Amino acid sequence: MAARGIVIARPALAQDANAIVVTGATASRYRLRTISDLVRVAPGLVFGGPPECPERPDCLPGLRRTYGLQFRAFAALDAGGPLTRQALEAGDIGAALLFTTDPAIGAGHLVELADNRDLQPAENVIPVIRRATADRYPGLLAALDAVSVRLSTHALTALDAQVELGGRDPRAVARSWLREQGLLRARAS
């Protein structure tokens, strides 16, 4: 990255990884807690996820190789977005690929199945900027590092929830969190 003029700041504690998700009703009906538990019911389920899922090693090929999962069909939807959640909640698909920080998992009675064979890699949030930008703003890397130290997966999910579920402005949510963390001073009125 350095050879390309890119600087990497400190990785955050927060991770936004792939999550295999089912509805609470599906989890209860089939007693699903882990991805391994899907093996006996996958042949009767449609799996939904991003269009590139059939080629991605950490999606369908990885689920086949690591867990032995063979779903009845695959539905190409969006990358962990509203189409996938809607299809899951409507019963059009039985399992889906969402992201661990998706606030709908907790709020929408969805269940993230434990990745008990460690298919998914760590996906820490990592600030990446151009070297020219870092040089132009000498305190920027230190500021990004200070955010990374404080940003947990739980905090990121809560921030996402305020925007996605609460309809709040992303900038206002970010400003408020930065103030709470002591990283941004309140403006004088």
Protein backbone atom coordinates (compact mmCIF):
# COMPACT_ATOMS: atom_id res chain seq x y z
CA MET A 1 0.00 0.00 0.00
CA ALA A 2 2.86 2.38 0.84
CA ALA A 3 4.24 1.97 -2.68
CA ARG A 4 0.89 3.20 -3.99
CA GLY A 5 0.90 6.27 -1.77
CA ILE A 6 -1.57 4.88 0.75
CA VAL A 7 -1.29 5.06 4.54
CA ILE A 8 -3.08 2.68 6.87
CA ALA A 9 -4.15 3.92 10.29
CA ARG A 10 -4.61 1.70 13.33
CA PRO A 11 -7.26 -1.02 12.85
CA ALA A 12 -10.35 -0.47 14.95
CA LEU A 13 -11.52 -3.00 17.48
CA ALA A 14 -14.82 -2.95 15.55
CA GLN A 15 -15.44 -5.65 13.00
CA ASP A 16 -18.03 -5.66 10.25
CA ALA A 17 -17.85 -9.26 9.08
CA ASN A 18 -20.12 -11.55 7.14
CA ALA A 19 -22.86 -13.18 9.19
CA ILE A 20 -25.09 -16.11 8.26
CA VAL A 21 -28.54 -15.20 9.52
CA VAL A 22 -31.96 -16.83 9.81
CA THR A 23 -35.21 -15.62 11.32
CA GLY A 24 -35.92 -16.35 14.95
CA ALA A 25 -38.76 -18.62 13.86
CA THR A 26 -36.46 -20.63 11.58
CA ALA A 27 -33.81 -20.89 14.29
CA SER A 28 -36.42 -22.11 16.77
CA ARG A 29 -38.15 -24.50 14.37
CA TYR A 30 -34.92 -26.25 13.34
CA ARG A 31 -32.95 -25.64 16.57
CA LEU A 32 -30.26 -23.66 14.77
CA ARG A 33 -27.48 -22.03 16.77
CA THR A 34 -24.43 -22.58 14.57
CA ILE A 35 -23.78 -22.65 10.85
CA SER A 36 -23.04 -26.38 11.23
CA ASP A 37 -26.64 -26.88 12.37
CA LEU A 38 -27.80 -25.82 8.90
CA VAL A 39 -26.41 -28.96 7.23
CA ARG A 40 -29.56 -31.00 7.88
CA VAL A 41 -31.99 -28.30 6.67
CA ALA A 42 -30.03 -26.45 3.95
CA PRO A 43 -31.33 -28.71 1.11
CA GLY A 44 -34.80 -27.30 1.78
CA LEU A 45 -33.75 -23.66 2.07
CA VAL A 46 -32.99 -20.88 -0.39
CA PHE A 47 -29.89 -18.89 0.55
CA GLY A 48 -29.86 -15.16 -0.21
CA GLY A 49 -26.92 -12.86 -0.57
CA PRO A 50 -24.96 -10.56 -2.87
CA PRO A 51 -24.78 -11.49 -6.56
CA GLU A 52 -21.07 -12.40 -6.27
CA CYS A 53 -21.72 -14.91 -3.45
CA PRO A 54 -21.49 -18.02 -5.71
CA GLU A 55 -17.88 -17.08 -6.57
CA ARG A 56 -16.65 -15.68 -3.23
CA PRO A 57 -14.55 -18.10 -1.16
CA ASP A 58 -16.13 -16.85 2.08
CA CYS A 59 -19.69 -17.21 0.76
CA LEU A 60 -21.30 -20.22 -1.01
CA PRO A 61 -18.04 -22.02 -1.95
CA GLY A 62 -16.77 -21.64 1.61
CA LEU A 63 -20.09 -22.75 3.11
CA ARG A 64 -19.93 -25.87 0.91
CA ARG A 65 -16.26 -26.61 1.61
CA THR A 66 -16.18 -25.74 5.33
CA TYR A 67 -19.65 -26.82 6.41
CA GLY A 68 -20.86 -29.17 3.67
CA LEU A 69 -23.90 -26.96 3.02
CA GLN A 70 -25.92 -27.52 -0.15
CA PHE A 71 -28.84 -25.11 -0.35
CA ARG A 72 -31.88 -25.79 -2.55
CA ALA A 73 -31.19 -22.57 -4.47
CA PHE A 74 -29.43 -19.22 -4.31
CA ALA A 75 -31.20 -15.86 -4.63
CA ALA A 76 -29.00 -12.97 -5.79
CA LEU A 77 -30.08 -9.93 -3.78
CA ASP A 78 -27.98 -7.08 -2.38
CA ALA A 79 -24.87 -6.98 -0.21
CA GLY A 80 -26.36 -7.25 3.25
CA GLY A 81 -29.00 -4.66 2.58
CA PRO A 82 -32.73 -4.13 2.68
CA LEU A 83 -33.57 -6.55 -0.15
CA THR A 84 -31.88 -9.42 1.65
CA ARG A 85 -33.53 -8.58 4.99
CA GLN A 86 -36.96 -8.21 3.36
CA ALA A 87 -36.64 -11.53 1.54
CA LEU A 88 -35.58 -13.25 4.77
CA GLU A 89 -38.38 -11.72 6.84
CA ALA A 90 -40.96 -12.50 4.13
CA GLY A 91 -39.85 -16.14 3.99
CA ASP A 92 -38.70 -15.92 0.36
CA ILE A 93 -35.29 -17.15 1.51
CA GLY A 94 -34.48 -19.29 4.53
CA ALA A 95 -30.95 -18.08 5.31
CA ALA A 96 -28.96 -15.04 4.30
CA LEU A 97 -25.61 -13.33 4.31
CA LEU A 98 -25.80 -10.07 6.27
CA PHE A 99 -23.14 -8.14 8.19
CA THR A 100 -22.41 -8.42 11.89
CA THR A 101 -23.09 -4.72 12.51
CA ASP A 102 -26.52 -4.79 10.88
CA PRO A 103 -28.85 -3.42 13.57
CA ALA A 104 -31.76 -5.31 12.05
CA ILE A 105 -30.29 -8.56 13.38
CA GLY A 106 -31.13 -7.58 16.93
CA ALA A 107 -34.14 -5.41 16.16
CA GLY A 108 -35.76 -7.61 13.54
CA HIS A 109 -35.83 -10.88 15.46
CA LEU A 110 -33.11 -12.30 13.26
CA VAL A 111 -30.53 -14.76 14.56
CA GLU A 112 -26.86 -14.73 13.63
CA LEU A 113 -25.62 -18.31 13.52
CA ALA A 114 -22.24 -18.89 15.16
CA ASP A 115 -19.41 -19.49 12.69
CA ASN A 116 -18.23 -22.52 14.63
CA ARG A 117 -15.65 -23.56 12.00
CA ASP A 118 -14.17 -20.08 11.50
CA LEU A 119 -14.97 -19.60 7.82
CA GLN A 120 -15.17 -15.83 8.11
CA PRO A 121 -11.94 -13.90 8.58
CA ALA A 122 -11.55 -10.98 10.96
CA GLU A 123 -12.90 -7.86 9.27
CA ASN A 124 -11.73 -5.01 11.45
CA VAL A 125 -12.56 -1.52 10.27
CA ILE A 126 -9.29 0.02 9.04
CA PRO A 127 -8.96 3.69 8.07
CA VAL A 128 -7.07 4.06 4.79
CA ILE A 129 -5.99 7.43 3.39
CA ARG A 130 -3.70 8.83 0.74
CA ARG A 131 -0.17 9.74 1.83
CA ALA A 132 -0.72 13.24 0.39
CA THR A 133 -3.76 13.69 2.65
CA ALA A 134 -1.84 12.48 5.72
CA ASP A 135 0.99 14.89 4.88
CA ARG A 136 -1.42 17.78 4.33
CA TYR A 137 -3.19 17.20 7.68
CA PRO A 138 -0.47 16.17 10.16
CA GLY A 139 -2.86 15.32 13.03
CA LEU A 140 -5.22 13.21 10.94
CA LEU A 141 -3.61 9.82 11.57
CA ALA A 142 -3.54 10.42 15.32
CA ALA A 143 -7.21 11.41 15.24
CA LEU A 144 -8.14 8.28 13.25
CA ASP A 145 -6.13 6.12 15.64
CA ALA A 146 -7.98 7.65 18.61
CA VAL A 147 -11.31 6.72 16.99
CA SER A 148 -10.10 3.18 16.22
CA VAL A 149 -9.13 2.57 19.83
CA ARG A 150 -12.66 3.43 20.99
CA LEU A 151 -14.76 1.96 18.18
CA SER A 152 -16.04 -1.50 19.15
CA THR A 153 -18.37 -3.72 17.14
CA HIS A 154 -21.10 -3.02 19.70
CA ALA A 155 -20.59 0.76 19.36
CA LEU A 156 -20.59 0.58 15.55
CA THR A 157 -23.81 -1.46 15.58
CA ALA A 158 -25.44 1.07 17.92
CA LEU A 159 -24.36 3.94 15.66
CA ASP A 160 -25.72 2.10 12.61
CA ALA A 161 -29.01 1.55 14.43
CA GLN A 162 -29.44 5.26 15.08
CA VAL A 163 -29.07 5.94 11.36
CA GLU A 164 -30.76 2.90 9.78
CA LEU A 165 -33.53 2.27 12.28
CA GLY A 166 -33.84 5.69 13.91
CA GLY A 167 -33.57 7.74 10.72
CA ARG A 168 -30.99 10.10 12.23
CA ASP A 169 -28.50 12.03 10.15
CA PRO A 170 -25.17 10.09 9.95
CA ARG A 171 -23.11 13.23 10.55
CA ALA A 172 -25.10 14.15 13.65
CA VAL A 173 -24.76 10.60 15.00
CA ALA A 174 -21.01 10.62 14.37
CA ARG A 175 -20.57 14.05 15.97
CA SER A 176 -22.51 13.01 19.06
CA TRP A 177 -20.45 9.80 19.46
CA LEU A 178 -17.18 11.67 18.99
CA ARG A 179 -18.23 14.16 21.69
CA GLU A 180 -19.21 11.33 24.05
CA GLN A 181 -15.77 9.80 23.51
CA GLY A 182 -14.04 13.10 24.25
CA LEU A 183 -12.70 13.30 20.70
CA LEU A 184 -14.63 16.37 19.60
CA ARG A 185 -15.29 19.54 21.49
CA ALA A 186 -18.72 21.07 21.51
CA ARG A 187 -18.92 24.22 19.39
CA ALA A 188 -19.31 27.48 21.26
CA SER A 189 -22.72 29.03 20.67
